[in-house]
C-alpha atoms as a PDB file:
ATOM      1  CA  MET A   1      46.925  98.553  78.147  1.00  0.00           C
ATOM      2  CA  ILE A   2      44.337 101.294  77.806  1.00  0.00           C
ATOM      3  CA  GLY A   3      44.638 104.112  75.311  1.00  0.00           C
ATOM      4  CA  ARG A   4      42.857 106.098  72.660  1.00  0.00           C
ATOM      5  CA  THR A   5      43.537 108.097  69.542  1.00  0.00           C
ATOM      6  CA  ASP A   6      42.202 111.620  69.347  1.00  0.00           C
ATOM      7  CA  ARG A   7      43.130 114.761  67.421  1.00  0.00           C
ATOM      8  CA  GLY A   8      45.934 113.002  65.604  1.00  0.00           C
ATOM      9  CA  TRP A   9      47.682 111.554  68.678  1.00  0.00           C
ATOM     10  CA  LEU A  10      47.712 108.302  70.626  1.00  0.00           C
ATOM     11  CA  TYR A  11      47.205 108.810  74.363  1.00  0.00           C
ATOM     12  CA  VAL A  12      48.455 105.882  76.439  1.00  0.00           C
ATOM     13  CA  GLN A  13      46.286 106.063  79.532  1.00  0.00           C
ATOM     14  CA  MET A  14      47.594 102.953  81.260  1.00  0.00           C
ATOM     15  CA  LEU A  15      50.197 100.294  80.557  1.00  0.00           C
ATOM     16  CA  PHE A  16      50.623  97.714  83.298  1.00  0.00           C
ATOM     17  CA  VAL A  17      52.462  94.412  83.424  1.00  0.00           C
ATOM     18  CA  PRO A  18      52.537  92.430  86.707  1.00  0.00           C
ATOM     19  CA  ASP A  19      55.935  92.174  88.404  1.00  0.00           C
ATOM     20  CA  HIS A  20      56.347  88.467  87.683  1.00  0.00           C
ATOM     21  CA  LEU A  21      55.890  89.047  83.926  1.00  0.00           C
ATOM     22  CA  ARG A  22      58.246  91.992  83.587  1.00  0.00           C
ATOM     23  CA  LYS A  23      61.594  91.822  81.767  1.00  0.00           C
ATOM     24  CA  HIS A  24      60.079  89.650  79.011  1.00  0.00           C
ATOM     25  CA  GLY A  25      59.358  92.419  76.509  1.00  0.00           C
ATOM     26  CA  ILE A  26      55.586  92.341  77.025  1.00  0.00           C
ATOM     27  CA  ALA A  27      55.178  96.080  77.668  1.00  0.00           C
ATOM     28  CA  THR A  28      57.454  96.885  74.734  1.00  0.00           C
ATOM     29  CA  ARG A  29      55.329  94.703  72.432  1.00  0.00           C
ATOM     30  CA  PHE A  30      52.036  96.173  73.712  1.00  0.00           C
ATOM     31  CA  LEU A  31      53.312  99.692  73.155  1.00  0.00           C
ATOM     32  CA  ALA A  32      54.675  98.837  69.686  1.00  0.00           C
ATOM     33  CA  MET A  33      51.295  97.370  68.666  1.00  0.00           C
ATOM     34  CA  ALA A  34      49.458 100.455  69.931  1.00  0.00           C
ATOM     35  CA  GLU A  35      51.879 102.760  68.107  1.00  0.00           C
ATOM     36  CA  GLN A  36      51.474 100.733  64.909  1.00  0.00           C
ATOM     37  CA  GLU A  37      47.675 101.006  65.125  1.00  0.00           C
ATOM     38  CA  ALA A  38      47.938 104.751  65.845  1.00  0.00           C
ATOM     39  CA  LYS A  39      50.124 105.205  62.764  1.00  0.00           C
ATOM     40  CA  ALA A  40      47.565 103.289  60.693  1.00  0.00           C
ATOM     41  CA  ARG A  41      44.970 105.770  61.960  1.00  0.00           C
ATOM     42  CA  GLY A  42      47.151 108.650  60.783  1.00  0.00           C
ATOM     43  CA  CYS A  43      48.393 109.782  64.195  1.00  0.00           C
ATOM     44  CA  ARG A  44      51.434 112.050  64.377  1.00  0.00           C
ATOM     45  CA  GLY A  45      52.715 110.624  67.673  1.00  0.00           C
ATOM     46  CA  ALA A  46      51.991 109.289  71.139  1.00  0.00           C
ATOM     47  CA  TYR A  47      51.955 110.837  74.576  1.00  0.00           C
ATOM     48  CA  LEU A  48      51.523 109.641  78.142  1.00  0.00           C
ATOM     49  CA  ASP A  49      52.200 110.499  81.747  1.00  0.00           C
ATOM     50  CA  THR A  50      53.685 108.572  84.637  1.00  0.00           C
ATOM     51  CA  MET A  51      54.515 108.960  88.301  1.00  0.00           C
ATOM     52  CA  ASN A  52      56.854 105.960  88.280  1.00  0.00           C
ATOM     53  CA  PRO A  53      60.566 106.777  87.807  1.00  0.00           C
ATOM     54  CA  GLN A  54      61.285 103.297  86.395  1.00  0.00           C
ATOM     55  CA  ALA A  55      58.460 103.666  83.870  1.00  0.00           C
ATOM     56  CA  ARG A  56      59.786 107.105  82.916  1.00  0.00           C
ATOM     57  CA  ASP A  57      63.174 105.575  82.117  1.00  0.00           C
ATOM     58  CA  PHE A  58      61.494 102.723  80.206  1.00  0.00           C
ATOM     59  CA  TYR A  59      59.614 105.152  77.943  1.00  0.00           C
ATOM     60  CA  ILE A  60      62.723 107.254  77.349  1.00  0.00           C
ATOM     61  CA  LYS A  61      64.545 104.085  76.290  1.00  0.00           C
ATOM     62  CA  LEU A  62      61.766 103.506  73.727  1.00  0.00           C
ATOM     63  CA  GLY A  63      62.185 106.933  72.145  1.00  0.00           C
ATOM     64  CA  TYR A  64      59.873 109.076  74.253  1.00  0.00           C
ATOM     65  CA  SER A  65      61.087 112.460  75.468  1.00  0.00           C
ATOM     66  CA  VAL A  66      60.081 114.407  78.553  1.00  0.00           C
ATOM     67  CA  ILE A  67      57.871 117.381  77.734  1.00  0.00           C
ATOM     68  CA  GLY A  68      56.951 118.400  81.274  1.00  0.00           C
ATOM     69  CA  GLU A  69      57.090 117.559  84.929  1.00  0.00           C
ATOM     70  CA  LEU A  70      55.149 118.584  88.005  1.00  0.00           C
ATOM     71  CA  ALA A  71      57.309 117.971  91.051  1.00  0.00           C
ATOM     72  CA  ASP A  72      56.627 118.454  94.747  1.00  0.00           C
ATOM     73  CA  LEU A  73      53.382 116.522  94.815  1.00  0.00           C
ATOM     74  CA  GLU A  74      52.253 115.202  98.170  1.00  0.00           C
ATOM     75  CA  GLY A  75      54.559 112.485  99.446  1.00  0.00           C
ATOM     76  CA  GLY A  76      57.486 113.730  97.374  1.00  0.00           C
ATOM     77  CA  HIS A  77      56.067 112.372  94.124  1.00  0.00           C
ATOM     78  CA  ALA A  78      56.259 113.915  90.659  1.00  0.00           C
ATOM     79  CA  ILE A  79      54.293 113.405  87.478  1.00  0.00           C
ATOM     80  CA  THR A  80      56.125 113.375  84.151  1.00  0.00           C
ATOM     81  CA  TRP A  81      54.620 113.870  80.680  1.00  0.00           C
ATOM     82  CA  LEU A  82      56.352 112.303  77.687  1.00  0.00           C
ATOM     83  CA  LYS A  83      55.777 112.236  73.934  1.00  0.00           C
ATOM     84  CA  LYS A  84      57.084 110.377  70.915  1.00  0.00           C
ATOM     85  CA  PRO A  85      56.571 111.829  67.433  1.00  0.00           C
ATOM     86  CA  PHE A  86      56.085 109.287  64.651  1.00  0.00           C
ATOM     87  CA  SER A  87      57.826 109.451  61.317  1.00  0.00           C
ATOM     88  CA  LEU A  88      55.033 108.498  58.935  1.00  0.00           C
END
């Protein structure tokens, strides 16, 4: 996982778990640890973007909400932006 905190928010730049390690809660734990650290730094929430529909659904399941989408990218792809406010 790669991310940073800036201007009161955690930006999750990349979260990747290899196929053979998925469905074991690893990504959920990584994200929870990053969110916990961001809260300790005084962040108000987290945001990220994805082009993967399965990842989009995963983040929504973890409390993230869609804040924007750019559809009709080359190859029929779309990019989705999501955020999750923290209750401090």
